[in-house]
């Protein structure tokens, strides 16, 4: 089932293990703050990461890091049923932003960058982590790279679950960025069942 903006859905055992591994990989980063989407699964991710760090960073919700708006239309439906139960999905996949309640890749990526710029402006010199969702992060990466804003690019170079985009900022301007793949972890027994 696609969760979209439905609240109350936490991470799976695998998601919790991935978040812990991300936290472990960030132990030497000197994070002072984690800015996260207001959705429960993003807050849980931020809390798990923060719990692996010492001192624990401040947690801060930012609505600009929310899930893609179109996911409201898809939420609650098993992925394999989407083409039948949510036929406007085809239009969304052909060109994002055409339908009411849909966002273009540019709009989605810019709202994530707006949250990043705001964090950089309000907390200069701090190392900050941002927790968002797949589509908004993929859109952000497309904008940073200057790649074509189309569906192919949303999947060609995609941020994997627990993957990271590391940005170095010059004030409020992204200076450099790199993709860091998800950490390799053993699948928890509860996730394999």
C-alpha atoms as a PDB file:
ATOM      1  CA  UNK A   1       0.000   0.000   0.000  1.00  0.00           C
ATOM      2  CA  UNK A   2       1.204   3.508  -0.767  1.00  0.00           C
ATOM      3  CA  UNK A   3       1.160   5.619   2.391  1.00  0.00           C
ATOM      4  CA  UNK A   4       1.347   9.027   0.735  1.00  0.00           C
ATOM      5  CA  UNK A   5       0.359  11.621   3.323  1.00  0.00           C
ATOM      6  CA  UNK A   6      -1.444   9.138   5.581  1.00  0.00           C
ATOM      7  CA  UNK A   7      -0.091   9.591   9.052  1.00  0.00           C
ATOM      8  CA  UNK A   8       0.421   6.891  11.639  1.00  0.00           C
ATOM      9  CA  UNK A   9       2.497   4.620   9.420  1.00  0.00           C
ATOM     10  CA  UNK A  10       5.892   3.901  10.884  1.00  0.00           C
ATOM     11  CA  UNK A  11       8.981   2.325   9.459  1.00  0.00           C
ATOM     12  CA  UNK A  12       9.300  -1.373   8.778  1.00  0.00           C
ATOM     13  CA  UNK A  13      11.969  -3.420  10.584  1.00  0.00           C
ATOM     14  CA  UNK A  14      14.175  -2.923   7.520  1.00  0.00           C
ATOM     15  CA  UNK A  15      13.516   0.835   7.539  1.00  0.00           C
ATOM     16  CA  UNK A  16      14.455   1.067  11.225  1.00  0.00           C
ATOM     17  CA  UNK A  17      17.655  -0.893  10.597  1.00  0.00           C
ATOM     18  CA  UNK A  18      18.513   1.364   7.631  1.00  0.00           C
ATOM     19  CA  UNK A  19      17.898   4.515   9.702  1.00  0.00           C
ATOM     20  CA  UNK A  20      20.170   3.168  12.460  1.00  0.00           C
ATOM     21  CA  UNK A  21      22.873   2.422   9.880  1.00  0.00           C
ATOM     22  CA  UNK A  22      22.547   5.968   8.493  1.00  0.00           C
ATOM     23  CA  UNK A  23      22.913   7.296  12.034  1.00  0.00           C
ATOM     24  CA  UNK A  24      26.030   5.187  12.536  1.00  0.00           C
ATOM     25  CA  UNK A  25      27.498   6.499   9.271  1.00  0.00           C
ATOM     26  CA  UNK A  26      26.912  10.086  10.439  1.00  0.00           C
ATOM     27  CA  UNK A  27      28.594   9.754  13.856  1.00  0.00           C
ATOM     28  CA  UNK A  28      31.620  11.793  12.800  1.00  0.00           C
ATOM     29  CA  UNK A  29      29.640  14.392  10.816  1.00  0.00           C
ATOM     30  CA  UNK A  30      29.056  16.677  13.797  1.00  0.00           C
ATOM     31  CA  UNK A  31      25.340  17.067  13.108  1.00  0.00           C
ATOM     32  CA  UNK A  32      23.678  19.656  15.288  1.00  0.00           C
ATOM     33  CA  UNK A  33      20.201  19.495  13.749  1.00  0.00           C
ATOM     34  CA  UNK A  34      17.944  17.174  11.750  1.00  0.00           C
ATOM     35  CA  UNK A  35      15.177  18.883   9.784  1.00  0.00           C
ATOM     36  CA  UNK A  36      12.500  16.395   8.751  1.00  0.00           C
ATOM     37  CA  UNK A  37       9.170  16.010   6.994  1.00  0.00           C
ATOM     38  CA  UNK A  38       6.246  16.224   9.425  1.00  0.00           C
ATOM     39  CA  UNK A  39       5.022  12.733   8.485  1.00  0.00           C
ATOM     40  CA  UNK A  40       5.378  10.048  11.190  1.00  0.00           C
ATOM     41  CA  UNK A  41       7.758   7.836   9.209  1.00  0.00           C
ATOM     42  CA  UNK A  42      10.141  10.755   8.600  1.00  0.00           C
ATOM     43  CA  UNK A  43      10.032  11.775  12.268  1.00  0.00           C
ATOM     44  CA  UNK A  44      10.756   8.170  13.256  1.00  0.00           C
ATOM     45  CA  UNK A  45      13.715   8.131  10.861  1.00  0.00           C
ATOM     46  CA  UNK A  46      15.033  11.391  12.334  1.00  0.00           C
ATOM     47  CA  UNK A  47      14.656  10.083  15.893  1.00  0.00           C
ATOM     48  CA  UNK A  48      16.498   6.853  15.123  1.00  0.00           C
ATOM     49  CA  UNK A  49      19.349   8.725  13.440  1.00  0.00           C
ATOM     50  CA  UNK A  50      19.527  11.219  16.333  1.00  0.00           C
ATOM     51  CA  UNK A  51      19.593   8.353  18.824  1.00  0.00           C
ATOM     52  CA  UNK A  52      22.817   7.066  17.257  1.00  0.00           C
ATOM     53  CA  UNK A  53      24.584  10.422  17.645  1.00  0.00           C
ATOM     54  CA  UNK A  54      26.198  12.071  20.614  1.00  0.00           C
ATOM     55  CA  UNK A  55      25.326  14.688  21.456  1.00  0.00           C
ATOM     56  CA  UNK A  56      21.861  14.144  20.016  1.00  0.00           C
ATOM     57  CA  UNK A  57      20.977  16.801  17.416  1.00  0.00           C
ATOM     58  CA  UNK A  58      17.919  19.028  17.630  1.00  0.00           C
ATOM     59  CA  UNK A  59      14.909  17.755  15.646  1.00  0.00           C
ATOM     60  CA  UNK A  60      12.832  20.226  13.643  1.00  0.00           C
ATOM     61  CA  UNK A  61       9.853  19.586  11.333  1.00  0.00           C
ATOM     62  CA  UNK A  62       9.542  21.514   8.061  1.00  0.00           C
ATOM     63  CA  UNK A  63       6.384  21.148   5.919  1.00  0.00           C
ATOM     64  CA  UNK A  64       8.372  21.836   2.732  1.00  0.00           C
ATOM     65  CA  UNK A  65       9.956  18.388   3.163  1.00  0.00           C
ATOM     66  CA  UNK A  66       6.573  16.620   2.940  1.00  0.00           C
ATOM     67  CA  UNK A  67       5.795  13.784   0.554  1.00  0.00           C
ATOM     68  CA  UNK A  68       4.816  14.514  -3.061  1.00  0.00           C
ATOM     69  CA  UNK A  69       1.363  16.109  -3.262  1.00  0.00           C
ATOM     70  CA  UNK A  70       0.152  13.646  -5.906  1.00  0.00           C
ATOM     71  CA  UNK A  71       0.643  10.831  -3.414  1.00  0.00           C
ATOM     72  CA  UNK A  72      -2.565  12.036  -1.699  1.00  0.00           C
ATOM     73  CA  UNK A  73      -4.444  10.709  -4.743  1.00  0.00           C
ATOM     74  CA  UNK A  74      -2.581   7.392  -4.611  1.00  0.00           C
ATOM     75  CA  UNK A  75      -2.490   6.790  -0.865  1.00  0.00           C
ATOM     76  CA  UNK A  76      -4.139   3.741   0.586  1.00  0.00           C
ATOM     77  CA  UNK A  77      -3.986   1.770  -2.671  1.00  0.00           C
ATOM     78  CA  UNK A  78      -1.714  -1.252  -3.241  1.00  0.00           C
ATOM     79  CA  UNK A  79       0.872  -0.347  -5.885  1.00  0.00           C
ATOM     80  CA  UNK A  80      -0.254  -3.040  -8.328  1.00  0.00           C
ATOM     81  CA  UNK A  81      -3.858  -1.663  -8.279  1.00  0.00           C
ATOM     82  CA  UNK A  82      -2.936   1.937  -9.082  1.00  0.00           C
ATOM     83  CA  UNK A  83      -3.452   1.817 -12.890  1.00  0.00           C
ATOM     84  CA  UNK A  84      -7.000   0.493 -12.389  1.00  0.00           C
ATOM     85  CA  UNK A  85      -8.110   2.333  -9.244  1.00  0.00           C
ATOM     86  CA  UNK A  86      -6.251   5.612  -9.875  1.00  0.00           C
ATOM     87  CA  UNK A  87      -6.343   6.137 -13.671  1.00  0.00           C
ATOM     88  CA  UNK A  88      -5.045   9.739 -13.490  1.00  0.00           C
ATOM     89  CA  UNK A  89      -1.712   8.168 -12.494  1.00  0.00           C
ATOM     90  CA  UNK A  90      -1.044   7.689 -16.227  1.00  0.00           C
ATOM     91  CA  UNK A  91      -1.282  11.467 -16.824  1.00  0.00           C
ATOM     92  CA  UNK A  92       0.948  12.085 -13.783  1.00  0.00           C
ATOM     93  CA  UNK A  93       3.583   9.708 -15.151  1.00  0.00           C
ATOM     94  CA  UNK A  94       3.406  11.301 -18.618  1.00  0.00           C
ATOM     95  CA  UNK A  95       3.959  14.859 -17.304  1.00  0.00           C
ATOM     96  CA  UNK A  96       4.018  15.773 -13.637  1.00  0.00           C
ATOM     97  CA  UNK A  97       2.185  18.926 -12.662  1.00  0.00           C
ATOM     98  CA  UNK A  98      -0.601  18.842 -15.279  1.00  0.00           C
ATOM     99  CA  UNK A  99      -3.336  17.693 -12.890  1.00  0.00           C
ATOM    100  CA  UNK A 100      -4.835  19.611  -9.963  1.00  0.00           C
ATOM    101  CA  UNK A 101      -3.025  18.536  -6.801  1.00  0.00           C
ATOM    102  CA  UNK A 102       0.061  17.434  -8.700  1.00  0.00           C
ATOM    103  CA  UNK A 103       3.438  19.149  -8.587  1.00  0.00           C
ATOM    104  CA  UNK A 104       5.953  19.508 -11.359  1.00  0.00           C
ATOM    105  CA  UNK A 105       9.448  18.206 -10.714  1.00  0.00           C
ATOM    106  CA  UNK A 106      10.610  21.817 -10.457  1.00  0.00           C
ATOM    107  CA  UNK A 107       8.009  22.770  -7.824  1.00  0.00           C
ATOM    108  CA  UNK A 108       8.700  19.657  -5.760  1.00  0.00           C
ATOM    109  CA  UNK A 109      12.483  20.030  -5.900  1.00  0.00           C
ATOM    110  CA  UNK A 110      12.344  23.759  -5.188  1.00  0.00           C
ATOM    111  CA  UNK A 111      10.344  23.295  -2.003  1.00  0.00           C
ATOM    112  CA  UNK A 112      13.018  20.905  -0.678  1.00  0.00           C
ATOM    113  CA  UNK A 113      15.734  23.368  -1.672  1.00  0.00           C
ATOM    114  CA  UNK A 114      13.722  26.118   0.042  1.00  0.00           C
ATOM    115  CA  UNK A 115      13.853  24.096   3.292  1.00  0.00           C
ATOM    116  CA  UNK A 116      17.603  23.539   2.843  1.00  0.00           C
ATOM    117  CA  UNK A 117      18.229  27.238   2.182  1.00  0.00           C
ATOM    118  CA  UNK A 118      16.120  28.219   5.177  1.00  0.00           C
ATOM    119  CA  UNK A 119      18.056  25.830   7.438  1.00  0.00           C
ATOM    120  CA  UNK A 120      21.371  27.174   6.105  1.00  0.00           C
ATOM    121  CA  UNK A 121      20.243  30.774   6.645  1.00  0.00           C
ATOM    122  CA  UNK A 122      18.837  30.220  10.139  1.00  0.00           C
ATOM    123  CA  UNK A 123      21.700  27.989  11.341  1.00  0.00           C
ATOM    124  CA  UNK A 124      24.873  29.163   9.564  1.00  0.00           C
ATOM    125  CA  UNK A 125      27.920  27.017  10.032  1.00  0.00           C
ATOM    126  CA  UNK A 126      25.961  24.039  11.389  1.00  0.00           C
ATOM    127  CA  UNK A 127      26.025  20.563   9.873  1.00  0.00           C
ATOM    128  CA  UNK A 128      22.390  19.686   9.256  1.00  0.00           C
ATOM    129  CA  UNK A 129      20.685  16.529   8.007  1.00  0.00           C
ATOM    130  CA  UNK A 130      17.386  16.678   6.134  1.00  0.00           C
ATOM    131  CA  UNK A 131      14.884  13.792   6.084  1.00  0.00           C
ATOM    132  CA  UNK A 132      12.334  13.836   3.272  1.00  0.00           C
ATOM    133  CA  UNK A 133      10.778  11.323   0.848  1.00  0.00           C
ATOM    134  CA  UNK A 134      11.817   9.645  -2.409  1.00  0.00           C
ATOM    135  CA  UNK A 135      10.032  11.779  -5.031  1.00  0.00           C
ATOM    136  CA  UNK A 136      10.914  15.157  -3.477  1.00  0.00           C
ATOM    137  CA  UNK A 137      14.560  14.091  -3.062  1.00  0.00           C
ATOM    138  CA  UNK A 138      14.748  12.741  -6.609  1.00  0.00           C
ATOM    139  CA  UNK A 139      13.281  16.017  -7.919  1.00  0.00           C
ATOM    140  CA  UNK A 140      15.846  17.969  -5.907  1.00  0.00           C
ATOM    141  CA  UNK A 141      18.715  15.940  -7.360  1.00  0.00           C
ATOM    142  CA  UNK A 142      17.392  16.552 -10.883  1.00  0.00           C
ATOM    143  CA  UNK A 143      17.345  20.322 -10.261  1.00  0.00           C
ATOM    144  CA  UNK A 144      20.828  20.309  -8.723  1.00  0.00           C
ATOM    145  CA  UNK A 145      22.232  18.385 -11.701  1.00  0.00           C
ATOM    146  CA  UNK A 146      20.306  20.452 -14.250  1.00  0.00           C
ATOM    147  CA  UNK A 147      18.966  17.260 -15.819  1.00  0.00           C
ATOM    148  CA  UNK A 148      15.785  17.148 -17.932  1.00  0.00           C
ATOM    149  CA  UNK A 149      12.676  17.299 -15.778  1.00  0.00           C
ATOM    150  CA  UNK A 150      10.931  14.126 -16.869  1.00  0.00           C
ATOM    151  CA  UNK A 151       9.789  10.803 -15.460  1.00  0.00           C
ATOM    152  CA  UNK A 152      12.776   8.917 -16.860  1.00  0.00           C
ATOM    153  CA  UNK A 153      15.134  11.099 -14.836  1.00  0.00           C
ATOM    154  CA  UNK A 154      13.060  10.539 -11.669  1.00  0.00           C
ATOM    155  CA  UNK A 155      14.101   6.872 -11.869  1.00  0.00           C
ATOM    156  CA  UNK A 156      17.392   6.851 -13.821  1.00  0.00           C
ATOM    157  CA  UNK A 157      19.408   8.263 -10.923  1.00  0.00           C
ATOM    158  CA  UNK A 158      17.140   7.777  -7.923  1.00  0.00           C
ATOM    159  CA  UNK A 159      17.819   8.280  -4.236  1.00  0.00           C
ATOM    160  CA  UNK A 160      17.392   4.844  -2.685  1.00  0.00           C
ATOM    161  CA  UNK A 161      15.664   4.286   0.655  1.00  0.00           C
ATOM    162  CA  UNK A 162      18.210   5.393   3.271  1.00  0.00           C
ATOM    163  CA  UNK A 163      20.352   6.915   0.518  1.00  0.00           C
ATOM    164  CA  UNK A 164      21.649  10.439   1.004  1.00  0.00           C
ATOM    165  CA  UNK A 165      22.357  13.535  -1.033  1.00  0.00           C
ATOM    166  CA  UNK A 166      25.262  15.332   0.613  1.00  0.00           C
ATOM    167  CA  UNK A 167      25.194  19.074  -0.120  1.00  0.00           C
ATOM    168  CA  UNK A 168      27.897  21.570   0.631  1.00  0.00           C
ATOM    169  CA  UNK A 169      26.402  25.029   0.846  1.00  0.00           C
ATOM    170  CA  UNK A 170      27.962  28.421   0.243  1.00  0.00           C
ATOM    171  CA  UNK A 171      25.545  30.466   2.303  1.00  0.00           C
ATOM    172  CA  UNK A 172      22.177  29.571   0.796  1.00  0.00           C
ATOM    173  CA  UNK A 173      23.602  28.303  -2.507  1.00  0.00           C
ATOM    174  CA  UNK A 174      24.393  24.630  -3.116  1.00  0.00           C
ATOM    175  CA  UNK A 175      28.101  24.548  -4.000  1.00  0.00           C
ATOM    176  CA  UNK A 176      28.582  20.809  -4.485  1.00  0.00           C
ATOM    177  CA  UNK A 177      26.599  17.634  -3.989  1.00  0.00           C
ATOM    178  CA  UNK A 178      27.120  13.910  -4.131  1.00  0.00           C
ATOM    179  CA  UNK A 179      24.930  10.863  -3.800  1.00  0.00           C
ATOM    180  CA  UNK A 180      25.763   8.429  -1.026  1.00  0.00           C
ATOM    181  CA  UNK A 181      24.076   5.035  -1.539  1.00  0.00           C
ATOM    182  CA  UNK A 182      22.178   3.361   1.302  1.00  0.00           C
ATOM    183  CA  UNK A 183      24.396   1.602   3.839  1.00  0.00           C
ATOM    184  CA  UNK A 184      24.670  -2.161   3.400  1.00  0.00           C
ATOM    185  CA  UNK A 185      22.867  -3.957   6.201  1.00  0.00           C
ATOM    186  CA  UNK A 186      21.691  -7.466   6.929  1.00  0.00           C
ATOM    187  CA  UNK A 187      17.946  -7.777   6.465  1.00  0.00           C
ATOM    188  CA  UNK A 188      16.331  -8.034   9.915  1.00  0.00           C
ATOM    189  CA  UNK A 189      14.623 -11.374  10.548  1.00  0.00           C
ATOM    190  CA  UNK A 190      11.242  -9.635  10.965  1.00  0.00           C
ATOM    191  CA  UNK A 191      11.627  -8.016   7.516  1.00  0.00           C
ATOM    192  CA  UNK A 192      12.500 -11.291   5.784  1.00  0.00           C
ATOM    193  CA  UNK A 193       9.342 -13.070   6.935  1.00  0.00           C
END
